[in-house]
Amino acid sequence: MRKILKWIAIVLGGLIGLAILVVLGLYVSTTLRMNKTYDIQPEAVVVPSDAASLARGKHWAEMHCQSCHGPDLGGGPFFEDPSLGYVDTPNLTSGKGGIGGANTDADWVRAIRHGVGHDDRGLVVMPARLFYYLSDEDLGALIAYLKTLPPVDNELPPLNLGPLGRVMLVLVELPPEFTTPDATVIDHGGPRPVTPEPGVTVEYGEYLTHVCTVCHGENFNGQAMEREGLVPNLTPGGEVAFWTEEEFMTTLRTGVTPGGHQLNEFMPWKYFGQMTDDELRAVWLYLQSLPALEQGN
């Protein structure tokens, strides 16, 4: 009997020791991944101060920044779960807890275009790979506007992954924006993308729709996403093939499709709907120029 108990104790002790090693390895692995740094020397971008540029920067912020950072760009929780952890979108203003007062022009370029924070760590849930395509002029205007934001006091807790969140991070079961900062996929030293002249053209429509690929896919034919569900196909192979330009614009302005379907909360139509008529027409031209594809999976 003693011999059996001895073996049981040995087995249990071994299992406990193994569990401790696994937990330690998990913690070290996820901590190293979250704290990985990037040596990025951002290119110089002229930050203007004229009224027209500030208005252009405000326009870009309304279309693309407010949906995550809030109407006042004061940030807030992006993801919060007791078992998985906490991730926020930063306070972009100069108020308490904000980064606006400390960020230099180079810091803004590094964050927006390269997805790297002032501490050289990759930014999570920051789709910098999409904003990498912003022209120097538009990026400079956006930074100029961000520097004029009224201060918002909003001190946020640091990023923190719970035990289950760390397990999922290692198993790569979290969405890519949590597991792979965009800093790892951007060609930081590559040539700048060519920026088309603003206008109602296919080329300018493509420029404006880079951000749409995060949900609708690289080919714009939609995909199934965990939170968003089935994201629609925007090519002529999808429902939009039966819409008119006016119906497309109305959908983005009202959030209701021609068939009376209300777009869900994950489609930031309230922000994209702030595009000018010419910008929306350019987007429509580009989508109509795409090959007709079947709905993506």
C-alpha atoms as a PDB file:
ATOM      1  CA  MET A   1       0.000   0.000   0.000  1.00  0.00           C
ATOM      2  CA  ARG A   2       2.811   2.386   0.935  1.00  0.00           C
ATOM      3  CA  LYS A   3       4.497   1.646  -2.360  1.00  0.00           C
ATOM      4  CA  ILE A   4       1.325   2.547  -4.296  1.00  0.00           C
ATOM      5  CA  LEU A   5       0.918   5.794  -2.339  1.00  0.00           C
ATOM      6  CA  LYS A   6       4.551   6.601  -2.961  1.00  0.00           C
ATOM      7  CA  TRP A   7       4.103   6.204  -6.707  1.00  0.00           C
ATOM      8  CA  ILE A   8       0.907   8.260  -6.658  1.00  0.00           C
ATOM      9  CA  ALA A   9       2.772  11.034  -4.825  1.00  0.00           C
ATOM     10  CA  ILE A  10       5.607  10.896  -7.354  1.00  0.00           C
ATOM     11  CA  VAL A  11       3.191  11.075 -10.297  1.00  0.00           C
ATOM     12  CA  LEU A  12       1.210  13.925  -8.733  1.00  0.00           C
ATOM     13  CA  GLY A  13       4.400  15.771  -7.897  1.00  0.00           C
ATOM     14  CA  GLY A  14       5.612  15.358 -11.461  1.00  0.00           C
ATOM     15  CA  LEU A  15       2.317  16.612 -12.876  1.00  0.00           C
ATOM     16  CA  ILE A  16       2.331  19.646 -10.560  1.00  0.00           C
ATOM     17  CA  GLY A  17       5.927  20.411 -11.497  1.00  0.00           C
ATOM     18  CA  LEU A  18       5.092  20.074 -15.183  1.00  0.00           C
ATOM     19  CA  ALA A  19       2.084  22.376 -14.766  1.00  0.00           C
ATOM     20  CA  ILE A  20       4.268  24.979 -13.051  1.00  0.00           C
ATOM     21  CA  LEU A  21       6.803  24.818 -15.882  1.00  0.00           C
ATOM     22  CA  VAL A  22       4.047  25.172 -18.475  1.00  0.00           C
ATOM     23  CA  VAL A  23       2.590  28.200 -16.676  1.00  0.00           C
ATOM     24  CA  LEU A  24       6.022  29.817 -16.347  1.00  0.00           C
ATOM     25  CA  GLY A  25       6.816  29.128 -19.986  1.00  0.00           C
ATOM     26  CA  LEU A  26       3.455  30.522 -21.025  1.00  0.00           C
ATOM     27  CA  TYR A  27       3.978  33.696 -19.010  1.00  0.00           C
ATOM     28  CA  VAL A  28       7.511  34.239 -20.315  1.00  0.00           C
ATOM     29  CA  SER A  29       6.526  33.522 -23.924  1.00  0.00           C
ATOM     30  CA  THR A  30       3.550  35.887 -23.957  1.00  0.00           C
ATOM     31  CA  THR A  31       5.429  38.613 -22.077  1.00  0.00           C
ATOM     32  CA  LEU A  32       8.278  38.502 -24.600  1.00  0.00           C
ATOM     33  CA  ARG A  33       5.808  38.672 -27.469  1.00  0.00           C
ATOM     34  CA  MET A  34       3.934  41.649 -26.025  1.00  0.00           C
ATOM     35  CA  ASN A  35       7.157  43.485 -25.136  1.00  0.00           C
ATOM     36  CA  LYS A  36       8.937  42.983 -28.457  1.00  0.00           C
ATOM     37  CA  THR A  37      10.528  46.240 -29.610  1.00  0.00           C
ATOM     38  CA  TYR A  38      11.176  47.653 -33.078  1.00  0.00           C
ATOM     39  CA  ASP A  39      13.942  50.031 -34.082  1.00  0.00           C
ATOM     40  CA  ILE A  40      12.043  52.399 -36.363  1.00  0.00           C
ATOM     41  CA  GLN A  41      13.455  55.706 -37.557  1.00  0.00           C
ATOM     42  CA  PRO A  42      10.382  57.372 -39.071  1.00  0.00           C
ATOM     43  CA  GLU A  43      10.694  59.517 -42.141  1.00  0.00           C
ATOM     44  CA  ALA A  44      10.211  63.251 -41.755  1.00  0.00           C
ATOM     45  CA  VAL A  45       6.673  64.414 -42.519  1.00  0.00           C
ATOM     46  CA  VAL A  46       5.808  68.090 -42.816  1.00  0.00           C
ATOM     47  CA  VAL A  47       3.124  68.995 -40.268  1.00  0.00           C
ATOM     48  CA  PRO A  48       1.277  72.106 -41.503  1.00  0.00           C
ATOM     49  CA  SER A  49      -0.677  74.652 -39.483  1.00  0.00           C
ATOM     50  CA  ASP A  50      -2.970  76.319 -42.027  1.00  0.00           C
ATOM     51  CA  ALA A  51      -6.739  76.130 -41.639  1.00  0.00           C
ATOM     52  CA  ALA A  52      -7.302  74.023 -44.767  1.00  0.00           C
ATOM     53  CA  SER A  53      -4.836  71.357 -43.596  1.00  0.00           C
ATOM     54  CA  LEU A  54      -6.350  71.270 -40.101  1.00  0.00           C
ATOM     55  CA  ALA A  55      -9.792  70.799 -41.646  1.00  0.00           C
ATOM     56  CA  ARG A  56      -8.432  67.956 -43.784  1.00  0.00           C
ATOM     57  CA  GLY A  57      -6.859  66.340 -40.721  1.00  0.00           C
ATOM     58  CA  LYS A  58     -10.126  66.647 -38.803  1.00  0.00           C
ATOM     59  CA  HIS A  59     -11.910  64.972 -41.713  1.00  0.00           C
ATOM     60  CA  TRP A  60      -9.519  62.009 -41.614  1.00  0.00           C
ATOM     61  CA  ALA A  61      -9.829  61.728 -37.835  1.00  0.00           C
ATOM     62  CA  GLU A  62     -13.622  61.700 -38.056  1.00  0.00           C
ATOM     63  CA  MET A  63     -13.576  59.003 -40.716  1.00  0.00           C
ATOM     64  CA  HIS A  64     -10.964  56.700 -39.238  1.00  0.00           C
ATOM     65  CA  CYS A  65      -9.952  57.535 -35.652  1.00  0.00           C
ATOM     66  CA  GLN A  66     -13.201  58.218 -33.817  1.00  0.00           C
ATOM     67  CA  SER A  67     -14.614  54.725 -34.372  1.00  0.00           C
ATOM     68  CA  CYS A  68     -11.987  53.280 -31.999  1.00  0.00           C
ATOM     69  CA  HIS A  69     -10.712  56.234 -29.952  1.00  0.00           C
ATOM     70  CA  GLY A  70     -14.145  57.780 -29.365  1.00  0.00           C
ATOM     71  CA  PRO A  71     -15.816  61.002 -30.539  1.00  0.00           C
ATOM     72  CA  ASP A  72     -13.454  63.119 -28.408  1.00  0.00           C
ATOM     73  CA  LEU A  73     -10.478  60.825 -29.185  1.00  0.00           C
ATOM     74  CA  GLY A  74     -10.053  60.319 -25.436  1.00  0.00           C
ATOM     75  CA  GLY A  75      -9.788  56.546 -25.837  1.00  0.00           C
ATOM     76  CA  GLY A  76     -11.317  53.817 -23.729  1.00  0.00           C
ATOM     77  CA  PRO A  77     -11.654  50.032 -23.392  1.00  0.00           C
ATOM     78  CA  PHE A  78     -11.436  48.184 -26.704  1.00  0.00           C
ATOM     79  CA  PHE A  79     -11.676  44.731 -25.186  1.00  0.00           C
ATOM     80  CA  GLU A  80     -12.412  43.845 -21.579  1.00  0.00           C
ATOM     81  CA  ASP A  81     -13.051  40.384 -20.174  1.00  0.00           C
ATOM     82  CA  PRO A  82     -12.273  39.020 -16.687  1.00  0.00           C
ATOM     83  CA  SER A  83     -10.668  35.832 -17.998  1.00  0.00           C
ATOM     84  CA  LEU A  84      -9.115  37.092 -21.232  1.00  0.00           C
ATOM     85  CA  GLY A  85      -7.784  40.461 -20.092  1.00  0.00           C
ATOM     86  CA  TYR A  86      -7.944  44.147 -20.969  1.00  0.00           C
ATOM     87  CA  VAL A  87      -6.907  46.096 -24.072  1.00  0.00           C
ATOM     88  CA  ASP A  88      -7.683  49.756 -24.643  1.00  0.00           C
ATOM     89  CA  THR A  89      -7.486  52.342 -27.384  1.00  0.00           C
ATOM     90  CA  PRO A  90      -5.257  55.158 -26.097  1.00  0.00           C
ATOM     91  CA  ASN A  91      -6.262  58.663 -25.153  1.00  0.00           C
ATOM     92  CA  LEU A  92      -4.864  60.735 -28.033  1.00  0.00           C
ATOM     93  CA  THR A  93      -5.314  64.106 -26.329  1.00  0.00           C
ATOM     94  CA  SER A  94      -2.999  66.026 -24.017  1.00  0.00           C
ATOM     95  CA  GLY A  95      -5.253  65.460 -20.988  1.00  0.00           C
ATOM     96  CA  LYS A  96      -4.430  63.214 -18.018  1.00  0.00           C
ATOM     97  CA  GLY A  97      -3.628  59.745 -19.283  1.00  0.00           C
ATOM     98  CA  GLY A  98      -3.244  61.004 -22.847  1.00  0.00           C
ATOM     99  CA  ILE A  99      -0.268  60.719 -25.176  1.00  0.00           C
ATOM    100  CA  GLY A 100      -0.919  63.930 -27.095  1.00  0.00           C
ATOM    101  CA  GLY A 101       1.090  66.126 -24.774  1.00  0.00           C
ATOM    102  CA  ALA A 102       4.205  63.970 -24.960  1.00  0.00           C
ATOM    103  CA  ASN A 103       4.156  62.749 -28.562  1.00  0.00           C
ATOM    104  CA  THR A 104       6.536  64.442 -30.965  1.00  0.00           C
ATOM    105  CA  ASP A 105       5.765  64.652 -34.674  1.00  0.00           C
ATOM    106  CA  ALA A 106       8.087  61.677 -35.161  1.00  0.00           C
ATOM    107  CA  ASP A 107       6.172  59.718 -32.497  1.00  0.00           C
ATOM    108  CA  TRP A 108       2.901  60.308 -34.354  1.00  0.00           C
ATOM    109  CA  VAL A 109       4.435  59.152 -37.644  1.00  0.00           C
ATOM    110  CA  ARG A 110       5.924  56.084 -35.969  1.00  0.00           C
ATOM    111  CA  ALA A 111       2.583  55.142 -34.419  1.00  0.00           C
ATOM    112  CA  ILE A 112       0.221  55.862 -37.316  1.00  0.00           C
ATOM    113  CA  ARG A 113       2.369  54.750 -40.242  1.00  0.00           C
ATOM    114  CA  HIS A 114       4.504  52.057 -38.597  1.00  0.00           C
ATOM    115  CA  GLY A 115       2.424  50.769 -35.686  1.00  0.00           C
ATOM    116  CA  VAL A 116       5.156  51.386 -33.107  1.00  0.00           C
ATOM    117  CA  GLY A 117       4.726  53.347 -29.880  1.00  0.00           C
ATOM    118  CA  HIS A 118       7.095  55.864 -28.313  1.00  0.00           C
ATOM    119  CA  ASP A 119       8.454  52.992 -26.173  1.00  0.00           C
ATOM    120  CA  ASP A 120       9.398  51.103 -29.396  1.00  0.00           C
ATOM    121  CA  ARG A 121       6.864  48.346 -28.727  1.00  0.00           C
ATOM    122  CA  GLY A 122       4.393  47.247 -31.392  1.00  0.00           C
ATOM    123  CA  LEU A 123       0.916  48.707 -30.924  1.00  0.00           C
ATOM    124  CA  VAL A 124      -1.900  46.171 -30.641  1.00  0.00           C
ATOM    125  CA  VAL A 125      -5.339  46.770 -32.193  1.00  0.00           C
ATOM    126  CA  MET A 126      -3.792  49.621 -34.197  1.00  0.00           C
ATOM    127  CA  PRO A 127      -4.331  48.942 -37.942  1.00  0.00           C
ATOM    128  CA  ALA A 128      -1.197  50.787 -39.024  1.00  0.00           C
ATOM    129  CA  ARG A 129      -0.830  48.556 -42.094  1.00  0.00           C
ATOM    130  CA  LEU A 130      -3.909  50.315 -43.457  1.00  0.00           C
ATOM    131  CA  PHE A 131      -2.770  53.824 -42.585  1.00  0.00           C
ATOM    132  CA  TYR A 132       0.670  53.083 -44.032  1.00  0.00           C
ATOM    133  CA  TYR A 133      -0.862  54.123 -47.352  1.00  0.00           C
ATOM    134  CA  LEU A 134      -1.702  57.635 -46.155  1.00  0.00           C
ATOM    135  CA  SER A 135       0.149  60.227 -48.187  1.00  0.00           C
ATOM    136  CA  ASP A 136       2.604  62.522 -46.444  1.00  0.00           C
ATOM    137  CA  GLU A 137       0.165  65.377 -46.994  1.00  0.00           C
ATOM    138  CA  ASP A 138      -2.795  63.572 -45.406  1.00  0.00           C
ATOM    139  CA  LEU A 139      -0.686  62.156 -42.586  1.00  0.00           C
ATOM    140  CA  GLY A 140       0.786  65.585 -41.865  1.00  0.00           C
ATOM    141  CA  ALA A 141      -2.698  67.120 -41.820  1.00  0.00           C
ATOM    142  CA  LEU A 142      -3.957  64.408 -39.464  1.00  0.00           C
ATOM    143  CA  ILE A 143      -1.051  64.925 -37.064  1.00  0.00           C
ATOM    144  CA  ALA A 144      -1.596  68.681 -37.191  1.00  0.00           C
ATOM    145  CA  TYR A 145      -5.223  68.209 -36.163  1.00  0.00           C
ATOM    146  CA  LEU A 146      -4.383  65.698 -33.399  1.00  0.00           C
ATOM    147  CA  LYS A 147      -2.035  68.271 -31.876  1.00  0.00           C
ATOM    148  CA  THR A 148      -4.943  70.725 -31.547  1.00  0.00           C
ATOM    149  CA  LEU A 149      -7.317  68.366 -29.715  1.00  0.00           C
ATOM    150  CA  PRO A 150      -8.891  69.722 -26.523  1.00  0.00           C
ATOM    151  CA  PRO A 151      -7.460  67.830 -23.514  1.00  0.00           C
ATOM    152  CA  VAL A 152      -9.561  64.944 -22.220  1.00  0.00           C
ATOM    153  CA  ASP A 153      -8.742  63.498 -18.797  1.00  0.00           C
ATOM    154  CA  ASN A 154      -8.981  59.734 -19.155  1.00  0.00           C
ATOM    155  CA  GLU A 155      -6.337  57.658 -17.406  1.00  0.00           C
ATOM    156  CA  LEU A 156      -6.500  54.079 -18.654  1.00  0.00           C
ATOM    157  CA  PRO A 157      -5.014  50.919 -17.131  1.00  0.00           C
ATOM    158  CA  PRO A 158      -2.158  49.224 -18.997  1.00  0.00           C
ATOM    159  CA  LEU A 159      -2.683  46.352 -21.373  1.00  0.00           C
ATOM    160  CA  ASN A 160      -3.116  43.149 -19.434  1.00  0.00           C
ATOM    161  CA  LEU A 161      -3.814  39.617 -20.592  1.00  0.00           C
ATOM    162  CA  GLY A 162      -5.417  37.165 -18.189  1.00  0.00           C
ATOM    163  CA  PRO A 163      -4.439  33.485 -17.957  1.00  0.00           C
ATOM    164  CA  LEU A 164      -6.900  32.380 -20.635  1.00  0.00           C
ATOM    165  CA  GLY A 165      -5.866  35.296 -22.828  1.00  0.00           C
ATOM    166  CA  ARG A 166      -2.233  34.216 -22.580  1.00  0.00           C
ATOM    167  CA  VAL A 167      -3.141  30.629 -23.476  1.00  0.00           C
ATOM    168  CA  MET A 168      -5.082  31.834 -26.502  1.00  0.00           C
ATOM    169  CA  LEU A 169      -2.230  34.134 -27.508  1.00  0.00           C
ATOM    170  CA  VAL A 170       0.186  31.189 -27.603  1.00  0.00           C
ATOM    171  CA  LEU A 171      -2.312  29.019 -29.459  1.00  0.00           C
ATOM    172  CA  VAL A 172      -2.963  31.912 -31.914  1.00  0.00           C
ATOM    173  CA  GLU A 173      -6.712  31.687 -31.324  1.00  0.00           C
ATOM    174  CA  LEU A 174      -7.135  35.382 -30.666  1.00  0.00           C
ATOM    175  CA  PRO A 175      -7.919  37.675 -33.638  1.00  0.00           C
ATOM    176  CA  PRO A 176      -4.774  38.766 -35.548  1.00  0.00           C
ATOM    177  CA  GLU A 177      -4.962  42.311 -34.196  1.00  0.00           C
ATOM    178  CA  PHE A 178      -4.300  40.877 -30.714  1.00  0.00           C
ATOM    179  CA  THR A 179      -1.603  38.382 -31.638  1.00  0.00           C
ATOM    180  CA  THR A 180       0.334  40.133 -34.393  1.00  0.00           C
ATOM    181  CA  PRO A 181       1.013  43.878 -34.105  1.00  0.00           C
ATOM    182  CA  ASP A 182       1.011  45.477 -37.534  1.00  0.00           C
ATOM    183  CA  ALA A 183       4.627  46.477 -36.949  1.00  0.00           C
ATOM    184  CA  THR A 184       5.585  42.887 -37.805  1.00  0.00           C
ATOM    185  CA  VAL A 185       4.010  42.939 -41.281  1.00  0.00           C
ATOM    186  CA  ILE A 186       4.803  46.462 -42.499  1.00  0.00           C
ATOM    187  CA  ASP A 187       7.763  46.927 -44.835  1.00  0.00           C
ATOM    188  CA  HIS A 188       9.175  49.815 -42.801  1.00  0.00           C
ATOM    189  CA  GLY A 189      12.049  50.506 -45.165  1.00  0.00           C
ATOM    190  CA  GLY A 190      10.172  49.972 -48.394  1.00  0.00           C
ATOM    191  CA  PRO A 191       9.388  52.653 -50.986  1.00  0.00           C
ATOM    192  CA  ARG A 192       6.393  54.823 -50.210  1.00  0.00           C
ATOM    193  CA  PRO A 193       3.188  53.867 -52.078  1.00  0.00           C
ATOM    194  CA  VAL A 194       2.262  56.247 -54.874  1.00  0.00           C
ATOM    195  CA  THR A 195      -0.590  58.531 -53.842  1.00  0.00           C
ATOM    196  CA  PRO A 196      -3.109  59.471 -56.541  1.00  0.00           C
ATOM    197  CA  GLU A 197      -4.450  62.975 -56.938  1.00  0.00           C
ATOM    198  CA  PRO A 198      -7.763  63.508 -55.098  1.00  0.00           C
ATOM    199  CA  GLY A 199     -10.710  63.218 -57.446  1.00  0.00           C
ATOM    200  CA  VAL A 200     -13.606  61.050 -58.580  1.00  0.00           C
ATOM    201  CA  THR A 201     -11.343  58.343 -59.979  1.00  0.00           C
ATOM    202  CA  VAL A 202     -10.823  54.624 -59.554  1.00  0.00           C
ATOM    203  CA  GLU A 203      -7.294  55.266 -58.300  1.00  0.00           C
ATOM    204  CA  TYR A 204      -8.402  57.651 -55.564  1.00  0.00           C
ATOM    205  CA  GLY A 205     -11.203  55.288 -54.600  1.00  0.00           C
ATOM    206  CA  GLU A 206      -8.629  52.546 -54.069  1.00  0.00           C
ATOM    207  CA  TYR A 207      -6.611  54.904 -51.873  1.00  0.00           C
ATOM    208  CA  LEU A 208      -9.642  55.621 -49.723  1.00  0.00           C
ATOM    209  CA  THR A 209     -10.633  51.970 -49.293  1.00  0.00           C
ATOM    210  CA  HIS A 210      -7.456  50.435 -47.899  1.00  0.00           C
ATOM    211  CA  VAL A 211      -9.036  50.592 -44.454  1.00  0.00           C
ATOM    212  CA  CYS A 212     -12.026  48.544 -45.681  1.00  0.00           C
ATOM    213  CA  THR A 213      -9.872  45.468 -46.313  1.00  0.00           C
ATOM    214  CA  VAL A 214      -9.557  44.757 -42.586  1.00  0.00           C
ATOM    215  CA  CYS A 215     -13.144  43.444 -42.597  1.00  0.00           C
ATOM    216  CA  HIS A 216     -14.095  42.941 -46.240  1.00  0.00           C
ATOM    217  CA  GLY A 217     -10.840  41.171 -47.130  1.00  0.00           C
ATOM    218  CA  GLU A 218      -7.992  41.973 -49.493  1.00  0.00           C
ATOM    219  CA  ASN A 219     -10.211  41.180 -52.501  1.00  0.00           C
ATOM    220  CA  PHE A 220     -13.272  42.970 -51.062  1.00  0.00           C
ATOM    221  CA  ASN A 221     -15.390  39.853 -51.461  1.00  0.00           C
ATOM    222  CA  GLY A 222     -16.109  39.539 -47.739  1.00  0.00           C
ATOM    223  CA  GLN A 223     -15.277  36.920 -45.171  1.00  0.00           C
ATOM    224  CA  ALA A 224     -16.595  35.290 -42.011  1.00  0.00           C
ATOM    225  CA  MET A 225     -15.327  36.961 -38.832  1.00  0.00           C
ATOM    226  CA  GLU A 226     -15.823  35.874 -35.239  1.00  0.00           C
ATOM    227  CA  ARG A 227     -17.404  39.070 -33.914  1.00  0.00           C
ATOM    228  CA  GLU A 228     -18.732  40.648 -37.090  1.00  0.00           C
ATOM    229  CA  GLY A 229     -20.287  37.516 -38.585  1.00  0.00           C
ATOM    230  CA  LEU A 230     -20.412  37.215 -42.372  1.00  0.00           C
ATOM    231  CA  VAL A 231     -18.960  40.419 -43.829  1.00  0.00           C
ATOM    232  CA  PRO A 232     -20.572  41.274 -47.198  1.00  0.00           C
ATOM    233  CA  ASN A 233     -19.007  40.944 -50.619  1.00  0.00           C
ATOM    234  CA  LEU A 234     -18.440  44.456 -52.061  1.00  0.00           C
ATOM    235  CA  THR A 235     -17.424  43.312 -55.540  1.00  0.00           C
ATOM    236  CA  PRO A 236     -19.875  43.208 -58.457  1.00  0.00           C
ATOM    237  CA  GLY A 237     -20.361  39.558 -57.512  1.00  0.00           C
ATOM    238  CA  GLY A 238     -22.208  40.571 -54.346  1.00  0.00           C
ATOM    239  CA  GLU A 239     -25.399  42.403 -53.462  1.00  0.00           C
ATOM    240  CA  VAL A 240     -23.967  45.820 -54.310  1.00  0.00           C
ATOM    241  CA  ALA A 241     -24.044  44.813 -57.982  1.00  0.00           C
ATOM    242  CA  PHE A 242     -27.763  45.606 -57.848  1.00  0.00           C
ATOM    243  CA  TRP A 243     -27.327  48.996 -56.145  1.00  0.00           C
ATOM    244  CA  THR A 244     -27.031  52.359 -57.788  1.00  0.00           C
ATOM    245  CA  GLU A 245     -24.359  54.882 -56.876  1.00  0.00           C
ATOM    246  CA  GLU A 246     -26.994  56.932 -55.045  1.00  0.00           C
ATOM    247  CA  GLU A 247     -28.145  53.877 -53.063  1.00  0.00           C
ATOM    248  CA  PHE A 248     -24.554  53.091 -52.105  1.00  0.00           C
ATOM    249  CA  MET A 249     -24.028  56.625 -50.823  1.00  0.00           C
ATOM    250  CA  THR A 250     -27.333  56.583 -48.941  1.00  0.00           C
ATOM    251  CA  THR A 251     -26.417  53.283 -47.289  1.00  0.00           C
ATOM    252  CA  LEU A 252     -23.192  54.734 -45.901  1.00  0.00           C
ATOM    253  CA  ARG A 253     -24.978  57.883 -44.788  1.00  0.00           C
ATOM    254  CA  THR A 254     -27.936  56.161 -43.096  1.00  0.00           C
ATOM    255  CA  GLY A 255     -26.706  52.669 -42.226  1.00  0.00           C
ATOM    256  CA  VAL A 256     -29.675  51.105 -44.045  1.00  0.00           C
ATOM    257  CA  THR A 257     -29.311  49.154 -47.303  1.00  0.00           C
ATOM    258  CA  PRO A 258     -31.696  49.577 -50.259  1.00  0.00           C
ATOM    259  CA  GLY A 259     -33.408  46.385 -49.109  1.00  0.00           C
ATOM    260  CA  GLY A 260     -34.103  47.873 -45.672  1.00  0.00           C
ATOM    261  CA  HIS A 261     -31.379  45.943 -43.813  1.00  0.00           C
ATOM    262  CA  GLN A 262     -29.777  47.790 -40.901  1.00  0.00           C
ATOM    263  CA  LEU A 263     -25.985  47.519 -40.915  1.00  0.00           C
ATOM    264  CA  ASN A 264     -24.675  45.986 -37.705  1.00  0.00           C
ATOM    265  CA  GLU A 265     -22.726  47.773 -34.981  1.00  0.00           C
ATOM    266  CA  PHE A 266     -19.379  46.551 -36.322  1.00  0.00           C
ATOM    267  CA  MET A 267     -19.767  48.450 -39.591  1.00  0.00           C
ATOM    268  CA  PRO A 268     -18.611  52.022 -38.813  1.00  0.00           C
ATOM    269  CA  TRP A 269     -20.917  53.589 -41.401  1.00  0.00           C
ATOM    270  CA  LYS A 270     -21.425  56.668 -39.223  1.00  0.00           C
ATOM    271  CA  TYR A 271     -17.764  57.508 -39.744  1.00  0.00           C
ATOM    272  CA  PHE A 272     -17.308  56.401 -43.356  1.00  0.00           C
ATOM    273  CA  GLY A 273     -20.537  58.224 -44.155  1.00  0.00           C
ATOM    274  CA  GLN A 274     -18.744  61.472 -43.379  1.00  0.00           C
ATOM    275  CA  MET A 275     -16.819  61.170 -46.624  1.00  0.00           C
ATOM    276  CA  THR A 276     -17.602  63.903 -49.107  1.00  0.00           C
ATOM    277  CA  ASP A 277     -19.842  63.129 -52.080  1.00  0.00           C
ATOM    278  CA  ASP A 278     -16.805  63.053 -54.368  1.00  0.00           C
ATOM    279  CA  GLU A 279     -14.946  60.678 -52.049  1.00  0.00           C
ATOM    280  CA  LEU A 280     -17.916  58.303 -51.928  1.00  0.00           C
ATOM    281  CA  ARG A 281     -18.246  58.458 -55.705  1.00  0.00           C
ATOM    282  CA  ALA A 282     -14.565  57.573 -56.034  1.00  0.00           C
ATOM    283  CA  VAL A 283     -15.040  54.611 -53.686  1.00  0.00           C
ATOM    284  CA  TRP A 284     -18.051  53.491 -55.724  1.00  0.00           C
ATOM    285  CA  LEU A 285     -16.060  53.685 -58.955  1.00  0.00           C
ATOM    286  CA  TYR A 286     -13.295  51.578 -57.462  1.00  0.00           C
ATOM    287  CA  LEU A 287     -15.654  48.902 -56.122  1.00  0.00           C
ATOM    288  CA  GLN A 288     -17.395  48.739 -59.500  1.00  0.00           C
ATOM    289  CA  SER A 289     -14.019  48.224 -61.198  1.00  0.00           C
ATOM    290  CA  LEU A 290     -13.275  45.070 -59.205  1.00  0.00           C
ATOM    291  CA  PRO A 291     -13.742  41.604 -60.691  1.00  0.00           C
ATOM    292  CA  ALA A 292     -17.010  39.928 -59.730  1.00  0.00           C
ATOM    293  CA  LEU A 293     -16.107  37.411 -57.034  1.00  0.00           C
ATOM    294  CA  GLU A 294     -18.141  34.979 -54.997  1.00  0.00           C
ATOM    295  CA  GLN A 295     -18.728  35.640 -51.309  1.00  0.00           C
ATOM    296  CA  GLY A 296     -15.608  34.849 -49.303  1.00  0.00           C
ATOM    297  CA  ASN A 297     -15.583  32.411 -46.411  1.00  0.00           C
END
